[in-house]
Amino acid sequence: MNGLLYKIMDIKAFASAIEQICEEKNISKKRVLETIEMALAAAYKKEYDRKGQNIKMEFNLETGDMKVFQVKLVVDESMLKIETDNEEEREEEREETTEEETEKKIRFNTEKHIMINEVKQPKKKKYKAGDEIESPLEIDREFGRIAAQTAKQVIIQRIREAERESVYEEYKEKVGQIVSGIIQRIEGSNIFFDIGKATGVLFPEEQIPQEYYRIGQRLRLYITDVQKDSRSSIINLSRAHPKMVSQLFTLEVPEITSGTVEIKSIAREPGSRSKIAVASTEERVDPIGSMIGQKGTRVQAVINELSGEKIDIVEWSEDPMKFISASLSPAKVLDVKIDEKRNQAEVIVPEDQLSLAIGIKGQNVRLAAKLTNWKIDITARKEKERIVKKKTTKKKEEKVIKKKKVIKKKIIKEETKEKKVVKNKKEEKPKTEKIEKKKLIA
């Protein structure tokens, strides 16, 4: 066998080929070596007619040496299924044993199992039930063409399986992230993207309505899920997911990655409009300005990627009244009344702002409700009512001011009277004293 390997290729070339496979397929070297050992074990079973046996192969990549072992499981009577011809005895046995015990029990096979009482116990190690005994086997001839073909098929199959597993693990970690992909093919309504080491699928429900797709087109996509199939890994992509917007802004706005700006909530109707609420962790940083960028470059880059979808950026607030008022932008809000028990908000807007607050087919208020997670009812107030109310409030204020002035005047008058009385009294005292003195002298 060793001679055959050296005839086919040099061991160094063989090792470099394995390393190349590991790099290209993103598979660990250990996994590839295990695959080769399994393939060689399959070839040995084919060549030496040992189909029913458990054959283990150890291959040294540095030297090219191989060791072959027959593996047998050590069992005792409690581990075996007792087979009887009598059906009544079988039924009794089934009733006594639970489902888990029946699953664990095995049928004895001389090629794969050995009874514990038949095991020759060595001095250094004593075998017990459940252990495996490895008996070395010899390789006295080179593998034939059929055996070599079997080994080749096993290697190809196992490497494909390892590659699928590697792709699955890699893209499973990328769920919730943005990837760049090129349209590979279009099958009906499903669009297949080349996203690097794998192919992703964009199903109709995850596509932006009325967006045109063509083969060779490069787009950014959001990974929603990764599923493992018997043949390959299925990577589900999306262009309509609300988090697609937040991820695109994360790529464009460095303040989000640094943590100074946070995206609190998103409401989206793909291809039409999105609302995004942002907040700043630092007082000096303007969250809306950071999202828009200089001359609107940041937000425009996201809009272009989403085929012209409109984006409203509002400031998030802990106060629900402020947040609801901001969420209805660009409409101006006069007042917000909140019913916390019903989770409902009544918003009052000017009459000329009603259609703007509701939006086309109720889109603006619908997105605001999704963004804030509040039920929103909008009512309009007439401009005349507002003017009248303003006038009445002004008149009331003027009346109050006049009353205050009158009261102040009265108080001042009373104070001046009291002061005059006190002065008169002071003036009268010395006069009376003088008169009394004159009388006494007389």
Protein backbone atom coordinates (compact mmCIF):
# COMPACT_ATOMS: atom_id res chain seq x y z
CA MET A 1 0.00 0.00 0.00
CA ASN A 2 2.79 2.43 0.90
CA GLY A 3 4.45 1.67 -2.43
CA LEU A 4 1.23 2.51 -4.25
CA LEU A 5 1.01 5.88 -2.52
CA TYR A 6 4.55 6.79 -3.50
CA LYS A 7 3.85 5.71 -7.08
CA ILE A 8 0.82 7.98 -7.32
CA MET A 9 2.39 11.06 -5.75
CA ASP A 10 5.15 12.17 -3.46
CA ILE A 11 4.12 12.42 0.21
CA LYS A 12 5.12 16.11 0.32
CA ALA A 13 2.95 16.86 -2.69
CA PHE A 14 0.15 14.92 -1.01
CA ALA A 15 0.53 17.01 2.18
CA SER A 16 0.54 20.30 0.23
CA ALA A 17 -2.59 19.17 -1.66
CA ILE A 18 -4.35 18.56 1.67
CA GLU A 19 -3.34 22.02 2.93
CA GLN A 20 -4.67 23.55 -0.28
CA ILE A 21 -8.00 21.76 0.16
CA CYS A 22 -8.18 23.02 3.75
CA GLU A 23 -7.65 26.63 2.65
CA GLU A 24 -10.00 26.55 -0.34
CA LYS A 25 -12.84 24.69 1.35
CA ASN A 26 -12.30 26.25 4.80
CA ILE A 27 -12.05 22.81 6.41
CA SER A 28 -9.77 21.89 9.30
CA LYS A 29 -6.73 19.69 8.58
CA LYS A 30 -7.88 17.22 11.23
CA ARG A 31 -11.22 16.82 9.44
CA VAL A 32 -9.49 16.11 6.10
CA LEU A 33 -7.18 13.52 7.70
CA GLU A 34 -10.19 11.80 9.29
CA THR A 35 -11.81 11.72 5.85
CA ILE A 36 -8.71 10.11 4.30
CA GLU A 37 -8.55 7.52 7.09
CA MET A 38 -12.23 6.66 6.58
CA ALA A 39 -11.66 6.35 2.83
CA LEU A 40 -8.67 4.05 3.33
CA ALA A 41 -10.66 1.94 5.80
CA ALA A 42 -13.45 1.60 3.21
CA ALA A 43 -10.89 0.60 0.56
CA TYR A 44 -9.36 -2.00 2.92
CA LYS A 45 -12.80 -3.52 3.63
CA LYS A 46 -13.42 -3.73 -0.12
CA GLU A 47 -10.03 -5.25 -0.93
CA TYR A 48 -9.93 -7.78 1.93
CA ASP A 49 -13.67 -8.59 1.93
CA ARG A 50 -14.31 -7.37 5.50
CA LYS A 51 -17.68 -5.70 4.91
CA GLY A 52 -19.27 -6.65 8.25
CA GLN A 53 -16.31 -5.51 10.35
CA ASN A 54 -15.47 -2.20 11.99
CA ILE A 55 -12.14 -1.22 10.44
CA LYS A 56 -10.09 1.68 11.75
CA MET A 57 -7.19 3.20 9.81
CA GLU A 58 -4.41 5.43 11.16
CA PHE A 59 -2.52 7.44 8.54
CA ASN A 60 0.67 9.40 9.20
CA LEU A 61 0.82 12.38 6.84
CA GLU A 62 4.52 13.04 7.46
CA THR A 63 5.80 9.50 6.75
CA GLY A 64 2.93 8.05 4.72
CA ASP A 65 2.74 4.99 7.03
CA MET A 66 -0.59 3.30 7.72
CA LYS A 67 -1.89 1.09 10.52
CA VAL A 68 -5.07 -0.99 10.30
CA PHE A 69 -7.17 -2.23 13.24
CA GLN A 70 -10.30 -4.28 13.65
CA VAL A 71 -12.49 -2.72 16.36
CA LYS A 72 -14.79 -4.84 18.54
CA LEU A 73 -17.16 -3.69 21.26
CA VAL A 74 -16.98 -5.49 24.61
CA VAL A 75 -20.50 -6.52 25.69
CA ASP A 76 -22.21 -8.47 28.45
CA GLU A 77 -25.57 -10.23 28.56
CA SER A 78 -27.44 -7.16 29.91
CA MET A 79 -26.52 -5.23 26.73
CA LEU A 80 -27.86 -7.83 24.29
CA LYS A 81 -31.29 -8.37 22.81
CA ILE A 82 -32.52 -11.86 23.63
CA GLU A 83 -34.05 -13.42 20.54
CA THR A 84 -36.58 -16.21 21.14
CA ASP A 85 -38.82 -18.12 18.79
CA ASN A 86 -41.79 -17.91 21.16
CA GLU A 87 -43.89 -14.75 20.59
CA GLU A 88 -45.33 -14.76 24.14
CA GLU A 89 -41.84 -14.61 25.63
CA ARG A 90 -40.99 -11.67 23.33
CA GLU A 91 -44.09 -9.76 24.44
CA GLU A 92 -43.28 -10.37 28.13
CA GLU A 93 -39.75 -9.15 27.53
CA ARG A 94 -41.02 -5.99 25.81
CA GLU A 95 -43.38 -5.23 28.70
CA GLU A 96 -40.57 -5.58 31.26
CA THR A 97 -38.13 -3.29 29.42
CA THR A 98 -38.70 0.41 28.75
CA GLU A 99 -38.32 2.08 25.34
CA GLU A 100 -34.92 3.60 26.24
CA GLU A 101 -33.57 0.21 27.34
CA THR A 102 -34.74 -1.46 24.13
CA GLU A 103 -33.06 1.24 22.05
CA LYS A 104 -29.78 0.78 23.91
CA LYS A 105 -29.78 -3.01 23.56
CA ILE A 106 -27.91 -4.49 20.60
CA ARG A 107 -27.92 -7.69 18.59
CA PHE A 108 -24.75 -9.70 19.00
CA ASN A 109 -22.50 -9.91 15.93
CA THR A 110 -19.23 -11.85 16.11
CA GLU A 111 -17.60 -9.47 13.62
CA LYS A 112 -18.39 -6.37 15.71
CA HIS A 113 -18.84 -7.61 19.29
CA ILE A 114 -17.01 -9.77 21.82
CA MET A 115 -18.35 -11.14 25.12
CA ILE A 116 -16.55 -9.92 28.22
CA ASN A 117 -15.83 -13.46 29.41
CA GLU A 118 -14.02 -14.16 26.11
CA VAL A 119 -11.71 -11.15 26.40
CA LYS A 120 -8.10 -11.84 27.29
CA GLN A 121 -7.47 -9.30 30.01
CA PRO A 122 -3.97 -7.74 29.81
CA LYS A 123 -1.98 -6.91 32.94
CA LYS A 124 -1.81 -3.14 32.41
CA LYS A 125 -5.44 -2.53 31.45
CA LYS A 126 -8.62 -4.43 32.24
CA TYR A 127 -11.50 -4.21 29.79
CA LYS A 128 -15.11 -3.77 30.89
CA ALA A 129 -18.47 -3.75 29.09
CA GLY A 130 -18.71 -0.80 26.70
CA ASP A 131 -14.97 -0.63 25.95
CA GLU A 132 -13.53 -1.11 22.46
CA ILE A 133 -10.73 -3.57 21.62
CA GLU A 134 -8.48 -2.78 18.68
CA SER A 135 -6.80 -5.76 17.02
CA PRO A 136 -4.03 -4.91 14.51
CA LEU A 137 -4.37 -6.25 10.95
CA GLU A 138 -1.79 -6.68 8.20
CA ILE A 139 -1.57 -5.12 4.76
CA ASP A 140 0.10 -7.75 2.58
CA ARG A 141 -0.78 -6.34 -0.85
CA GLU A 142 -1.58 -3.12 -2.68
CA PHE A 143 -5.16 -2.02 -3.17
CA GLY A 144 -6.80 -2.90 -6.46
CA ARG A 145 -8.57 -0.59 -8.86
CA ILE A 146 -12.04 -1.10 -7.32
CA ALA A 147 -10.77 -0.49 -3.79
CA ALA A 148 -8.93 2.67 -4.91
CA GLN A 149 -12.10 3.91 -6.65
CA THR A 150 -14.08 3.27 -3.47
CA ALA A 151 -11.55 5.33 -1.48
CA LYS A 152 -11.79 8.16 -4.01
CA GLN A 153 -15.59 8.25 -3.81
CA VAL A 154 -15.52 8.28 -0.01
CA ILE A 155 -12.98 11.14 0.04
CA ILE A 156 -15.05 13.23 -2.39
CA GLN A 157 -18.26 12.57 -0.48
CA ARG A 158 -16.77 13.29 2.95
CA ILE A 159 -15.02 16.47 1.81
CA ARG A 160 -18.32 17.73 0.35
CA GLU A 161 -20.05 16.99 3.65
CA ALA A 162 -17.28 18.76 5.57
CA GLU A 163 -17.53 21.74 3.20
CA ARG A 164 -21.30 21.95 3.69
CA GLU A 165 -20.82 21.81 7.46
CA SER A 166 -18.16 24.54 7.29
CA VAL A 167 -20.38 26.80 5.16
CA TYR A 168 -23.31 26.23 7.50
CA GLU A 169 -21.27 27.14 10.61
CA GLU A 170 -19.74 30.21 8.92
CA TYR A 171 -23.02 31.72 7.68
CA LYS A 172 -24.93 30.76 10.82
CA GLU A 173 -22.75 33.29 12.65
CA LYS A 174 -23.62 35.92 10.00
CA VAL A 175 -27.40 35.76 10.58
CA GLY A 176 -28.60 39.33 11.12
CA GLN A 177 -25.77 40.84 9.08
CA ILE A 178 -25.47 42.44 5.64
CA VAL A 179 -23.64 40.64 2.83
CA SER A 180 -22.88 41.66 -0.74
CA GLY A 181 -24.09 39.32 -3.48
CA ILE A 182 -24.23 39.00 -7.27
CA ILE A 183 -27.35 37.65 -8.97
CA GLN A 184 -26.36 34.24 -10.33
CA ARG A 185 -29.64 33.03 -11.78
CA ILE A 186 -33.39 33.69 -11.66
CA GLU A 187 -35.78 30.74 -11.38
CA GLY A 188 -39.38 31.95 -11.56
CA SER A 189 -39.84 34.39 -8.67
CA ASN A 190 -36.82 33.07 -6.73
CA ILE A 191 -33.50 34.86 -7.17
CA PHE A 192 -30.20 33.09 -6.41
CA PHE A 193 -27.20 35.16 -5.27
CA ASP A 194 -23.51 34.29 -5.19
CA ILE A 195 -22.46 35.55 -1.74
CA GLY A 196 -18.93 34.17 -1.71
CA LYS A 197 -18.53 30.57 -0.53
CA ALA A 198 -22.23 29.83 -0.79
CA THR A 199 -25.40 30.57 -2.73
CA GLY A 200 -28.25 32.47 -1.10
CA VAL A 201 -31.93 32.57 -2.05
CA LEU A 202 -34.14 35.66 -2.18
CA PHE A 203 -37.74 34.50 -2.07
CA PRO A 204 -40.61 36.71 -3.44
CA GLU A 205 -41.92 37.71 0.01
CA GLU A 206 -38.45 39.05 0.95
CA GLN A 207 -38.08 41.16 -2.20
CA ILE A 208 -38.73 44.90 -2.43
CA PRO A 209 -41.98 45.40 -4.41
CA GLN A 210 -41.49 46.68 -7.97
CA GLU A 211 -37.71 46.35 -7.71
CA TYR A 212 -36.07 45.15 -10.94
CA TYR A 213 -33.47 42.35 -10.77
CA ARG A 214 -31.07 41.30 -13.52
CA ILE A 215 -28.32 38.65 -13.77
CA GLY A 216 -24.91 40.02 -12.79
CA GLN A 217 -26.40 42.78 -10.64
CA ARG A 218 -24.62 43.39 -7.31
CA LEU A 219 -26.80 44.12 -4.28
CA ARG A 220 -26.57 44.18 -0.51
CA LEU A 221 -28.71 41.61 1.30
CA TYR A 222 -29.74 40.77 4.85
CA ILE A 223 -29.25 37.17 6.08
CA THR A 224 -32.43 36.07 7.89
CA ASP A 225 -31.78 32.34 8.38
CA VAL A 226 -29.46 29.46 7.50
CA GLN A 227 -30.83 25.93 7.12
CA LYS A 228 -28.91 22.70 6.63
CA ASP A 229 -30.06 20.31 3.93
CA SER A 230 -28.83 16.80 3.06
CA ARG A 231 -27.28 18.22 -0.11
CA SER A 232 -26.32 21.79 0.81
CA SER A 233 -26.86 24.73 3.17
CA ILE A 234 -29.82 26.98 2.32
CA ILE A 235 -29.14 30.65 3.11
CA ASN A 236 -32.30 32.77 3.22
CA LEU A 237 -31.78 36.39 2.17
CA SER A 238 -33.97 39.48 2.44
CA ARG A 239 -34.21 42.98 1.00
CA ALA A 240 -37.50 43.79 2.77
CA HIS A 241 -36.55 43.11 6.43
CA PRO A 242 -36.77 46.18 8.73
CA LYS A 243 -33.31 45.44 10.16
CA MET A 244 -31.89 45.77 6.67
CA VAL A 245 -32.26 49.55 7.12
CA SER A 246 -30.50 49.59 10.50
CA GLN A 247 -27.64 47.44 9.19
CA LEU A 248 -27.15 49.73 6.19
CA PHE A 249 -26.99 52.75 8.50
CA THR A 250 -24.49 50.88 10.68
CA LEU A 251 -22.22 50.56 7.65
CA GLU A 252 -22.59 54.26 6.77
CA VAL A 253 -22.63 55.91 10.22
CA PRO A 254 -19.49 55.41 12.36
CA GLU A 255 -21.27 56.89 15.42
CA ILE A 256 -23.50 53.78 15.55
CA THR A 257 -20.52 51.39 15.64
CA SER A 258 -18.81 53.54 18.30
CA GLY A 259 -22.02 53.51 20.40
CA THR A 260 -22.63 57.28 20.58
CA VAL A 261 -25.79 56.94 18.47
CA GLU A 262 -28.36 54.15 19.03
CA ILE A 263 -31.17 52.96 16.78
CA LYS A 264 -34.11 52.45 19.12
CA SER A 265 -36.87 51.29 16.75
CA ILE A 266 -37.70 50.88 13.06
CA ALA A 267 -40.96 50.74 11.13
CA ARG A 268 -40.82 49.88 7.45
CA GLU A 269 -43.00 49.37 4.40
CA PRO A 270 -40.46 48.06 1.85
CA GLY A 271 -40.03 50.06 -1.33
CA SER A 272 -42.19 52.93 -0.06
CA ARG A 273 -41.22 54.43 3.31
CA SER A 274 -39.37 53.78 6.56
CA LYS A 275 -39.31 55.53 9.92
CA ILE A 276 -36.34 55.18 12.22
CA ALA A 277 -36.03 56.46 15.82
CA VAL A 278 -32.55 57.31 17.08
CA ALA A 279 -31.05 58.55 20.33
CA SER A 280 -27.65 59.83 21.43
CA THR A 281 -25.66 58.62 24.45
CA GLU A 282 -23.70 61.90 24.52
CA GLU A 283 -25.27 65.36 24.87
CA ARG A 284 -22.98 66.99 22.31
CA VAL A 285 -23.81 64.51 19.54
CA ASP A 286 -26.88 65.23 17.38
CA PRO A 287 -28.35 61.78 16.51
CA ILE A 288 -30.44 62.97 13.55
CA GLY A 289 -27.55 65.00 12.10
CA SER A 290 -25.22 61.99 12.45
CA MET A 291 -27.67 59.80 10.54
CA ILE A 292 -28.20 62.35 7.76
CA GLY A 293 -24.51 63.21 7.34
CA GLN A 294 -22.90 66.18 5.66
CA LYS A 295 -25.23 67.44 2.90
CA GLY A 296 -27.30 64.25 3.38
CA THR A 297 -24.60 61.90 2.03
CA ARG A 298 -25.16 59.13 4.59
CA VAL A 299 -28.92 58.88 4.36
CA GLN A 300 -28.77 59.27 0.58
CA ALA A 301 -26.43 56.27 0.31
CA VAL A 302 -28.99 54.12 2.18
CA ILE A 303 -31.87 55.47 0.06
CA ASN A 304 -29.97 54.62 -3.14
CA GLU A 305 -29.30 51.08 -1.90
CA LEU A 306 -33.04 50.64 -1.17
CA SER A 307 -34.11 51.80 -4.66
CA GLY A 308 -35.25 55.26 -3.60
CA GLU A 309 -37.21 54.29 -0.48
CA LYS A 310 -38.10 57.37 1.63
CA ILE A 311 -36.64 57.46 5.14
CA ASP A 312 -37.90 59.62 8.05
CA ILE A 313 -35.41 59.97 10.92
CA VAL A 314 -36.91 61.10 14.24
CA GLU A 315 -35.46 61.55 17.72
CA TRP A 316 -36.43 58.95 20.29
CA SER A 317 -37.67 60.11 23.68
CA GLU A 318 -38.61 58.41 26.95
CA ASP A 319 -41.60 60.72 27.16
CA PRO A 320 -44.30 59.02 25.03
CA MET A 321 -45.96 62.36 24.25
CA LYS A 322 -42.77 63.78 22.72
CA PHE A 323 -41.97 60.51 20.93
CA ILE A 324 -45.46 60.19 19.40
CA SER A 325 -45.37 63.84 18.36
CA ALA A 326 -41.98 63.36 16.65
CA SER A 327 -43.02 60.08 15.01
CA LEU A 328 -45.75 61.84 12.99
CA SER A 329 -43.14 64.02 11.27
CA PRO A 330 -43.34 65.94 8.93
CA ALA A 331 -46.78 66.85 10.33
CA LYS A 332 -46.99 69.42 13.16
CA VAL A 333 -48.71 68.28 16.35
CA LEU A 334 -50.63 70.61 18.70
CA ASP A 335 -51.34 68.25 21.58
CA VAL A 336 -51.10 64.57 22.59
CA LYS A 337 -53.42 62.89 25.12
CA ILE A 338 -52.39 59.45 26.38
CA ASP A 339 -54.44 56.59 27.80
CA GLU A 340 -51.88 54.20 29.30
CA LYS A 341 -54.43 51.53 30.23
CA ARG A 342 -55.62 51.15 26.64
CA ASN A 343 -52.14 51.94 25.23
CA GLN A 344 -53.82 54.56 23.06
CA ALA A 345 -52.88 58.13 22.15
CA GLU A 346 -55.13 60.90 20.82
CA VAL A 347 -53.17 63.35 18.71
CA ILE A 348 -54.53 66.79 17.86
CA VAL A 349 -53.19 68.47 14.73
CA PRO A 350 -54.13 71.64 12.80
CA GLU A 351 -56.84 71.14 10.19
CA ASP A 352 -54.44 71.84 7.32
CA GLN A 353 -51.99 69.21 8.72
CA LEU A 354 -54.51 66.34 9.01
CA SER A 355 -53.86 64.76 5.60
CA LEU A 356 -50.10 65.08 6.12
CA ALA A 357 -50.30 63.43 9.56
CA ILE A 358 -52.38 60.52 8.25
CA GLY A 359 -50.36 60.14 5.04
CA ILE A 360 -51.24 58.48 1.74
CA LYS A 361 -53.61 55.59 2.49
CA GLY A 362 -52.83 56.07 6.21
CA GLN A 363 -49.15 55.23 5.77
CA ASN A 364 -47.68 57.96 7.99
CA VAL A 365 -49.85 57.24 11.03
CA ARG A 366 -49.51 53.48 10.47
CA LEU A 367 -45.71 53.66 10.50
CA ALA A 368 -45.80 55.99 13.52
CA ALA A 369 -47.94 53.46 15.41
CA LYS A 370 -45.46 50.66 14.57
CA LEU A 371 -42.50 52.84 15.53
CA THR A 372 -43.88 53.93 18.91
CA ASN A 373 -45.91 50.78 19.67
CA TRP A 374 -48.94 52.98 20.53
CA LYS A 375 -52.42 53.05 18.99
CA ILE A 376 -52.76 56.52 17.50
CA ASP A 377 -56.00 58.40 16.76
CA ILE A 378 -55.68 61.74 14.96
CA THR A 379 -58.19 64.59 15.26
CA ALA A 380 -58.07 68.02 13.65
CA ARG A 381 -58.70 71.40 15.31
CA LYS A 382 -60.00 74.31 13.22
CA GLU A 383 -57.85 77.41 12.86
CA LYS A 384 -60.74 79.74 13.94
CA GLU A 385 -61.20 77.80 17.17
CA ARG A 386 -57.55 78.20 17.90
CA ILE A 387 -57.73 81.98 17.24
CA VAL A 388 -60.87 82.37 19.41
CA LYS A 389 -59.27 80.36 22.19
CA LYS A 390 -56.15 82.45 21.97
CA LYS A 391 -58.22 85.67 22.10
CA THR A 392 -60.27 84.46 25.06
CA THR A 393 -57.18 83.46 26.95
CA LYS A 394 -55.63 86.88 26.20
CA LYS A 395 -58.77 88.69 27.42
CA LYS A 396 -58.80 86.64 30.61
CA GLU A 397 -55.18 87.46 31.20
CA GLU A 398 -55.82 91.15 30.61
CA LYS A 399 -58.75 91.13 33.06
CA VAL A 400 -56.64 89.44 35.69
CA ILE A 401 -53.89 92.02 35.18
CA LYS A 402 -56.40 94.90 35.49
CA LYS A 403 -57.83 93.44 38.70
CA LYS A 404 -54.36 93.12 40.12
CA LYS A 405 -53.63 96.76 39.25
CA VAL A 406 -56.89 97.95 40.90
CA ILE A 407 -56.13 95.95 44.04
CA LYS A 408 -52.62 97.40 44.17
CA LYS A 409 -54.01 100.96 43.87
CA LYS A 410 -56.46 100.34 46.72
CA ILE A 411 -53.71 98.96 48.91
CA ILE A 412 -51.50 101.97 48.15
CA LYS A 413 -54.37 104.40 48.98
CA GLU A 414 -55.08 102.68 52.28
CA GLU A 415 -51.40 102.75 53.18
CA THR A 416 -51.15 106.50 52.39
CA LYS A 417 -54.27 107.20 54.53
CA GLU A 418 -52.81 105.28 57.45
CA LYS A 419 -49.56 107.23 57.15
CA LYS A 420 -51.45 110.59 57.16
CA VAL A 421 -53.40 109.56 60.25
CA VAL A 422 -50.19 108.67 62.05
CA LYS A 423 -48.61 112.04 61.08
CA ASN A 424 -51.65 113.99 62.30
CA LYS A 425 -51.55 112.20 65.60
CA LYS A 426 -47.88 113.01 66.01
CA GLU A 427 -48.54 116.68 65.22
CA GLU A 428 -51.46 116.91 67.65
CA LYS A 429 -49.50 115.60 70.66
CA PRO A 430 -47.03 118.48 71.03
CA LYS A 431 -49.89 121.07 70.64
CA THR A 432 -51.91 119.52 73.45
CA GLU A 433 -48.82 119.38 75.64
CA LYS A 434 -48.15 123.16 75.11
CA ILE A 435 -51.77 124.06 76.00
CA GLU A 436 -51.62 122.01 79.20
CA LYS A 437 -48.32 123.71 80.20
CA LYS A 438 -49.85 127.18 79.67
CA LYS A 439 -52.79 126.28 81.86
CA LEU A 440 -50.49 125.11 84.66
CA ILE A 441 -48.45 128.35 84.52
CA ALA A 442 -51.56 130.43 84.69
